[in-house]
Amino acid sequence: MSPAPLALQHGREACIKATYAQAVSLVGVACSVLDCRPHFNSNENGAPPMTAQPTDLELAALISSKICHDVIGPVGAIYNGLEILDEDDDAEAKNYALDVIRNVTEQASARLQFARFAFGAAGSAGAQIDLGTAEQISRGLLGQGKHKLAWRGLRGQMAKDKVKLLLNLLASAVTALPRGGEIELSIAGSLDSPSFLLRCQGPGARPPQYLADYVAGGQPPALDALSIQAYYTWRLAASSKMRLEIAKEGADIAMTAKPLL
């Protein structure tokens, strides 16, 4: 390899390593500063209350933990790719490592973009979000994996909290298809008063993890980094004045959100 391409290769590897180090630092700071282990008061029998209502600080910590949980996997894969770059001089191995780094970086970016809209402000209070943007973010989240998305219905601007509800319902729909399948998402009604239907079709389709417990009105799951999204979805539905329903229709799971009468 001539000196110029070799210098370019080394420069690119150094840039990737610096970016990785910065990402690890940011994730580590987020996970350590925001202690993600909230404690809820128990009743006189020592059991958690029927509806655990986290404080604002606890809710923020749990959501931060959820985001860290989703991003740390791709960041770890970047580290594995960097190890190959450091230890293997074979050109094919280095190209493979760069492909891995490129793919998981795209995955991490898609997850962060989704979190920005599904959990974050994504605009000032009262802002609206374009449904085309929501679709693009959703497709980025699913990527080229085992879950496929069919997006149908209304187009245009919709109230931020309703779009956030839709995005979180989509994330819950993924848990309804542990072996993969198609999520058919339909938006009906009007932009001011929409209805959402997510039909989950695939082998082993089941009620979405955790969210089904909240919709059924029984004992809620313990709140942690895995269950917090379901709790947040349930709270978003109440804030948006929409009623959630989950039903098994044949081999499919149907999730709906309709305006309260």
Protein backbone atom coordinates (compact mmCIF):
# COMPACT_ATOMS: atom_id res chain seq x y z
CA MET A 1 0.00 0.00 0.00
CA SER A 2 1.39 3.42 -0.95
CA PRO A 3 2.12 5.96 1.84
CA ALA A 4 -0.84 8.22 1.00
CA PRO A 5 -3.59 5.55 1.17
CA LEU A 6 -1.89 4.06 4.24
CA ALA A 7 -1.97 7.43 6.00
CA LEU A 8 -5.60 7.84 5.00
CA GLN A 9 -6.45 4.42 6.43
CA HIS A 10 -4.66 5.17 9.69
CA GLY A 11 -6.39 8.54 9.89
CA ARG A 12 -9.80 6.95 9.42
CA GLU A 13 -9.10 4.32 12.08
CA ALA A 14 -7.92 7.02 14.51
CA CYS A 15 -11.10 9.01 13.88
CA ILE A 16 -13.28 5.94 14.52
CA LYS A 17 -11.41 5.19 17.75
CA ALA A 18 -11.81 8.76 18.96
CA THR A 19 -15.53 8.69 18.17
CA TYR A 20 -15.92 5.39 20.02
CA ALA A 21 -14.09 6.72 23.07
CA GLN A 22 -16.37 9.75 23.13
CA ALA A 23 -19.49 7.56 22.81
CA VAL A 24 -18.39 5.28 25.65
CA SER A 25 -17.69 8.30 27.83
CA LEU A 26 -21.10 9.84 27.17
CA VAL A 27 -22.98 6.58 27.79
CA GLY A 28 -20.97 5.92 30.95
CA VAL A 29 -21.65 9.38 32.32
CA ALA A 30 -25.38 9.09 31.57
CA CYS A 31 -25.65 5.71 33.28
CA SER A 32 -23.67 6.74 36.35
CA VAL A 33 -25.03 10.25 36.89
CA LEU A 34 -28.65 9.15 36.46
CA ASP A 35 -28.94 6.39 39.03
CA CYS A 36 -31.42 4.04 37.37
CA ARG A 37 -32.51 2.08 40.42
CA PRO A 38 -35.52 3.88 41.88
CA HIS A 39 -37.11 2.68 45.09
CA PHE A 40 -40.87 2.67 45.57
CA ASN A 41 -42.69 2.55 48.88
CA SER A 42 -44.28 -0.79 49.73
CA ASN A 43 -47.62 -1.38 51.40
CA GLU A 44 -47.95 -2.82 54.89
CA ASN A 45 -47.45 -6.37 53.56
CA GLY A 46 -44.15 -5.44 51.93
CA ALA A 47 -45.54 -5.78 48.39
CA PRO A 48 -45.29 -2.95 45.85
CA PRO A 49 -48.41 -0.79 45.47
CA MET A 50 -50.94 -1.71 42.77
CA THR A 51 -49.89 1.27 40.66
CA ALA A 52 -46.31 2.37 41.21
CA GLN A 53 -46.15 6.07 40.39
CA PRO A 54 -42.51 7.12 40.03
CA THR A 55 -41.47 10.63 40.88
CA ASP A 56 -40.31 12.92 38.07
CA LEU A 57 -36.68 12.22 38.95
CA GLU A 58 -37.25 8.46 39.03
CA LEU A 59 -39.05 8.55 35.70
CA ALA A 60 -36.21 10.53 34.13
CA ALA A 61 -33.66 8.07 35.54
CA LEU A 62 -35.55 5.04 34.23
CA ILE A 63 -35.98 6.49 30.74
CA SER A 64 -32.29 7.39 30.68
CA SER A 65 -31.51 3.82 31.69
CA LYS A 66 -33.69 2.54 28.86
CA ILE A 67 -31.82 4.67 26.31
CA CYS A 68 -28.44 3.54 27.68
CA HIS A 69 -29.61 -0.08 27.54
CA ASP A 70 -30.58 0.29 23.88
CA VAL A 71 -27.36 2.04 22.82
CA ILE A 72 -24.72 0.15 24.80
CA GLY A 73 -25.03 -2.96 22.59
CA PRO A 74 -24.05 -1.21 19.35
CA VAL A 75 -21.30 0.69 21.19
CA GLY A 76 -19.90 -2.63 22.42
CA ALA A 77 -19.96 -3.97 18.86
CA ILE A 78 -17.94 -0.95 17.75
CA TYR A 79 -15.34 -1.90 20.35
CA ASN A 80 -15.16 -5.44 18.95
CA GLY A 81 -14.60 -4.02 15.48
CA LEU A 82 -11.82 -1.78 16.79
CA GLU A 83 -10.11 -4.77 18.37
CA ILE A 84 -9.99 -6.44 14.96
CA LEU A 85 -8.49 -3.29 13.45
CA ASP A 86 -5.82 -3.24 16.16
CA GLU A 87 -4.92 -6.93 16.17
CA ASP A 88 -5.37 -8.17 12.61
CA ASP A 89 -3.28 -6.91 9.71
CA ASP A 90 -5.26 -8.82 7.11
CA ALA A 91 -6.94 -6.39 4.67
CA GLU A 92 -10.09 -8.52 4.42
CA ALA A 93 -10.44 -8.64 8.20
CA LYS A 94 -10.01 -4.88 8.43
CA ASN A 95 -12.68 -4.33 5.75
CA TYR A 96 -15.00 -6.64 7.68
CA ALA A 97 -14.35 -4.70 10.90
CA LEU A 98 -15.06 -1.39 9.18
CA ASP A 99 -18.34 -2.80 7.79
CA VAL A 100 -19.34 -3.93 11.29
CA ILE A 101 -18.50 -0.52 12.75
CA ARG A 102 -20.40 1.23 9.99
CA ASN A 103 -23.51 -0.95 10.45
CA VAL A 104 -23.69 -0.75 14.23
CA THR A 105 -23.02 2.99 14.16
CA GLU A 106 -26.05 3.34 11.88
CA GLN A 107 -28.03 1.19 14.30
CA ALA A 108 -27.02 3.28 17.31
CA SER A 109 -27.87 6.47 15.43
CA ALA A 110 -31.33 5.12 14.52
CA ARG A 111 -32.03 4.15 18.13
CA LEU A 112 -30.98 7.56 19.43
CA GLN A 113 -33.09 9.31 16.79
CA PHE A 114 -36.07 7.18 17.80
CA ALA A 115 -35.49 7.94 21.49
CA ARG A 116 -35.28 11.67 20.74
CA PHE A 117 -38.82 11.66 19.35
CA ALA A 118 -40.38 8.84 21.40
CA PHE A 119 -39.12 10.10 24.78
CA GLY A 120 -37.71 13.59 24.25
CA ALA A 121 -39.26 16.98 23.66
CA ALA A 122 -38.48 17.06 19.90
CA GLY A 123 -39.78 20.61 19.77
CA SER A 124 -41.30 23.14 22.10
CA ALA A 125 -44.44 22.57 24.14
CA GLY A 126 -47.49 22.18 21.94
CA ALA A 127 -45.39 21.42 18.86
CA GLN A 128 -46.55 19.10 16.12
CA ILE A 129 -44.57 16.38 14.35
CA ASP A 130 -44.90 15.38 10.73
CA LEU A 131 -46.12 11.79 10.33
CA GLY A 132 -43.69 11.32 7.44
CA THR A 133 -40.84 11.98 9.88
CA ALA A 134 -42.37 9.51 12.34
CA GLU A 135 -42.52 6.86 9.62
CA GLN A 136 -38.91 7.47 8.63
CA ILE A 137 -37.76 7.18 12.25
CA SER A 138 -39.78 3.98 12.69
CA ARG A 139 -38.28 2.37 9.61
CA GLY A 140 -34.83 3.34 10.81
CA LEU A 141 -35.48 1.66 14.15
CA LEU A 142 -36.56 -1.62 12.55
CA GLY A 143 -33.79 -1.44 9.95
CA GLN A 144 -33.25 -4.55 7.83
CA GLY A 145 -33.96 -6.95 10.69
CA LYS A 146 -36.64 -9.57 11.22
CA HIS A 147 -39.47 -7.04 11.69
CA LYS A 148 -41.14 -5.41 8.67
CA LEU A 149 -43.37 -2.34 8.73
CA ALA A 150 -46.41 -1.51 6.61
CA TRP A 151 -47.39 2.12 7.29
CA ARG A 152 -50.84 3.23 6.11
CA GLY A 153 -53.28 6.08 6.65
CA LEU A 154 -53.22 9.78 7.38
CA ARG A 155 -50.43 12.15 6.40
CA GLY A 156 -49.63 15.55 7.80
CA GLN A 157 -48.80 17.21 11.11
CA MET A 158 -50.05 15.69 14.37
CA ALA A 159 -49.80 16.74 18.02
CA LYS A 160 -46.44 15.78 19.50
CA ASP A 161 -47.77 13.59 22.34
CA LYS A 162 -49.96 11.59 19.97
CA VAL A 163 -47.00 10.92 17.68
CA LYS A 164 -44.91 9.94 20.70
CA LEU A 165 -47.68 7.53 21.70
CA LEU A 166 -47.67 6.06 18.19
CA LEU A 167 -43.89 5.56 18.25
CA ASN A 168 -43.98 3.90 21.66
CA LEU A 169 -46.82 1.63 20.54
CA LEU A 170 -44.61 0.59 17.62
CA ALA A 171 -41.78 -0.26 20.03
CA SER A 172 -44.23 -2.34 22.07
CA ALA A 173 -45.45 -4.07 18.90
CA VAL A 174 -41.90 -5.30 18.30
CA THR A 175 -42.05 -7.20 21.62
CA ALA A 176 -45.28 -8.84 20.43
CA LEU A 177 -43.29 -10.56 17.65
CA PRO A 178 -40.30 -12.20 19.36
CA ARG A 179 -39.56 -14.30 16.25
CA GLY A 180 -40.14 -11.48 13.80
CA GLY A 181 -42.98 -10.70 11.42
CA GLU A 182 -44.89 -7.75 9.98
CA ILE A 183 -46.34 -4.80 11.87
CA GLU A 184 -49.22 -3.26 9.94
CA LEU A 185 -49.71 0.26 11.27
CA SER A 186 -52.85 2.17 10.28
CA ILE A 187 -53.80 5.76 11.20
CA ALA A 188 -57.49 6.63 10.80
CA GLY A 189 -59.84 9.40 11.91
CA SER A 190 -58.49 12.95 11.69
CA LEU A 191 -55.17 14.56 12.49
CA ASP A 192 -56.77 16.22 15.52
CA SER A 193 -58.56 13.09 16.71
CA PRO A 194 -56.78 10.03 15.29
CA SER A 195 -57.14 6.32 15.92
CA PHE A 196 -54.18 3.94 15.74
CA LEU A 197 -54.24 0.25 14.85
CA LEU A 198 -51.13 -1.91 14.95
CA ARG A 199 -51.65 -5.46 13.74
CA CYS A 200 -48.78 -7.80 14.64
CA GLN A 201 -48.52 -10.76 12.26
CA GLY A 202 -45.90 -13.45 12.65
CA PRO A 203 -45.08 -16.82 14.24
CA GLY A 204 -45.52 -16.86 17.99
CA ALA A 205 -47.29 -13.48 18.13
CA ARG A 206 -48.19 -12.64 21.73
CA PRO A 207 -49.49 -9.65 23.73
CA PRO A 208 -46.75 -7.02 23.98
CA GLN A 209 -44.49 -7.45 26.95
CA TYR A 210 -45.43 -5.33 30.00
CA LEU A 211 -47.89 -3.07 28.16
CA ALA A 212 -50.56 -5.79 28.26
CA ASP A 213 -50.33 -5.75 32.08
CA TYR A 214 -51.13 -2.04 32.22
CA VAL A 215 -53.96 -2.29 29.69
CA ALA A 216 -55.51 -5.23 31.57
CA GLY A 217 -55.52 -3.17 34.78
CA GLY A 218 -53.97 -5.88 36.94
CA GLN A 219 -50.79 -5.92 38.98
CA PRO A 220 -48.30 -3.72 37.12
CA PRO A 221 -44.79 -5.01 36.51
CA ALA A 222 -41.87 -3.77 38.57
CA LEU A 223 -40.48 -0.64 36.96
CA ASP A 224 -37.00 -0.99 35.49
CA ALA A 225 -35.15 -0.18 32.28
CA LEU A 226 -37.10 -2.88 30.41
CA SER A 227 -40.63 -2.12 31.62
CA ILE A 228 -40.43 1.68 31.70
CA GLN A 229 -41.38 2.06 28.03
CA ALA A 230 -44.69 0.26 28.61
CA TYR A 231 -45.41 2.49 31.63
CA TYR A 232 -44.54 5.59 29.61
CA THR A 233 -46.79 4.44 26.75
CA TRP A 234 -49.66 3.94 29.18
CA ARG A 235 -49.12 7.42 30.63
CA LEU A 236 -48.92 8.97 27.13
CA ALA A 237 -52.27 7.40 26.23
CA ALA A 238 -53.89 8.93 29.30
CA SER A 239 -52.30 12.31 28.58
CA SER A 240 -53.52 12.15 24.96
CA LYS A 241 -57.04 11.14 26.12
CA MET A 242 -56.87 7.87 24.21
CA ARG A 243 -57.91 4.37 25.27
CA LEU A 244 -55.59 1.43 24.66
CA GLU A 245 -56.87 -2.04 23.77
CA ILE A 246 -54.99 -5.25 23.05
CA ALA A 247 -56.73 -8.28 21.54
CA LYS A 248 -55.75 -11.60 20.03
CA GLU A 249 -57.42 -12.03 16.64
CA GLY A 250 -56.68 -15.49 15.33
CA ALA A 251 -52.90 -15.79 15.19
CA ASP A 252 -52.45 -12.00 15.21
CA ILE A 253 -52.22 -9.43 17.97
CA ALA A 254 -54.15 -6.19 17.45
CA MET A 255 -53.20 -3.09 19.41
CA THR A 256 -55.49 -0.06 19.18
CA ALA A 257 -55.53 3.46 20.56
CA LYS A 258 -58.83 5.30 20.22
CA PRO A 259 -60.04 8.71 21.43
CA LEU A 260 -61.98 8.63 24.69
CA LEU A 261 -65.67 9.32 24.18
